[in-house]
Amino acid sequence: MLSGARMGDWFKKHWGATLAAIAVALAFVKLAIFPQHHGHWVIFSGATHAIWSGVSPYGSDFGSGVGHYYYSPSHASIFFGIFGFFPKLLGLFLYSSLSAFVFWKGASAWISALKLNHQSQNLFWLLCTPHLLIGLLASRLEILTTGSCLLAFTWLLRNKGLLKPATTLGMISNWKLQPSATTALVAVALSPWRRTWKFTAISLSTFVAMVLFPLLFGVWSWKSWWMMHVEWLQRLSQYTHLGYLNFENIFAFLARRGMVLSYSTVEVIWLLTAVSLCGVILAMRRSREGLLMATFLGGAFSCLFSPLHQNNSYILLAPAYIWALFYLQNTVKGRGWILGMMVCLFFTSFAYSDLLPGVVRGALKGAMMKPFFLLLAMVLGGIFKVTQIGSPLPPQKLRLGDF
């Protein structure tokens, strides 16, 4: 057994991970005790039962009262098919345990690859604690997909080939389109161009394979499976046009300040932002730091234009936290910009968390400050990189492999 002094030393090195573990344990306790947290699980498992019965899962909330199923047919038939037929509590705990494990595995691998010190690691887990808590209570798929992204980044950084990372990112992009932004930016970041095309071809092939694979089980005809995907895309388009699926964070922030924009105008903002981010990554491809920036901007972009009601999915910001902590640890010039970005990410992380007093949380939520802090963090990160032009990090500190 560890002595008191050794336990104290261990806690000083790992207090952030300890807090995150406590939050995960509290989430599991609340899941076991309070059925009101089972809404998303009811939707997912209901979609699994429906789709394996040859019935479309779209257009029903399966009695959950929290919304309809709008993930891909392959997500319900393949991934959630593993858990959906277990008794509710058992399936929920298996799914939540896998999500937490994959996130821990991915985050630990990425942190190790970038050689973050104990102080940086503790700050990272502190920032992720509220996201893990509310994400697990809402059965968010983003915990597992973010962990998978971090594993894919690690494989790319360590030059483990393109097959595993491209297949992983293509698969999770099929389950929910959200990781597609990060996948596209990572593809742009790869150098030389032949690696970009190869990575893109593998990830797209995986996406298509996920669409076709369930047909092997003979439950659906080609026509019915095709029509189910058409219905999925139609509902995504319908929800998007109603402001339900996309742009709601940025739209609501502007509306609170008297700038009520049309859907088409916000769509133009979204497209211009996406093109601008690709331009940033293109400009950094030869600096060997493009992959790091792609991981940051991909997650921040997904959150900035995410639905307002999906703020419990902000675990997507985990790569952004690691990006900022890496540069705080390894550079002196421009640290003020990174510190400002960290303050913005702190408020983004805690703005909706029970860890803040209700008065403060209500003020931040009512003022719609989350998208403001997100956008400001992205701008500060971009300014920091501009200040670093001509002053790259020492090679021994930036071990990004040969992209």
Foldseek 3Di string as FASTA:
>chain_A
DDDPVVVVVVCVLCVLVVLLVVLLVVLLVCVVPPVLLCQVVQQLLQCLVQVLQVHQQFPDSNPSPPDGDQWASLCSPPVCVVQSPDPRSVSLVVLLVLLQVLLVVLLVLLCVLLVFGSVLVSVLSNLCRQLSNLCSSNVPPLSNLLSLQSNLLSCQQVVVDQQSSLLSLLQVCRRPVLSVLLQLLLLLLAPDVVSSVVSVVNSVVNSVCSLCVVVVVVSDDPVSSVVSRVVSVVVCVVCVQVLAFWQALVQVLVVVVVDRDHSVVSVVVLVVVSVVLSVVLNVCSVVLCSNLSSLQVSLLSSVLIGGPVVLSSSSSNSSNSSSLSSCCVFDDPLVVLSVLLVVLSSCLSPLCGPVDDPVSNVVCVVNSCNSVSSVSSNVSVVVSVVRCVVPDTPCVSDSRDRD
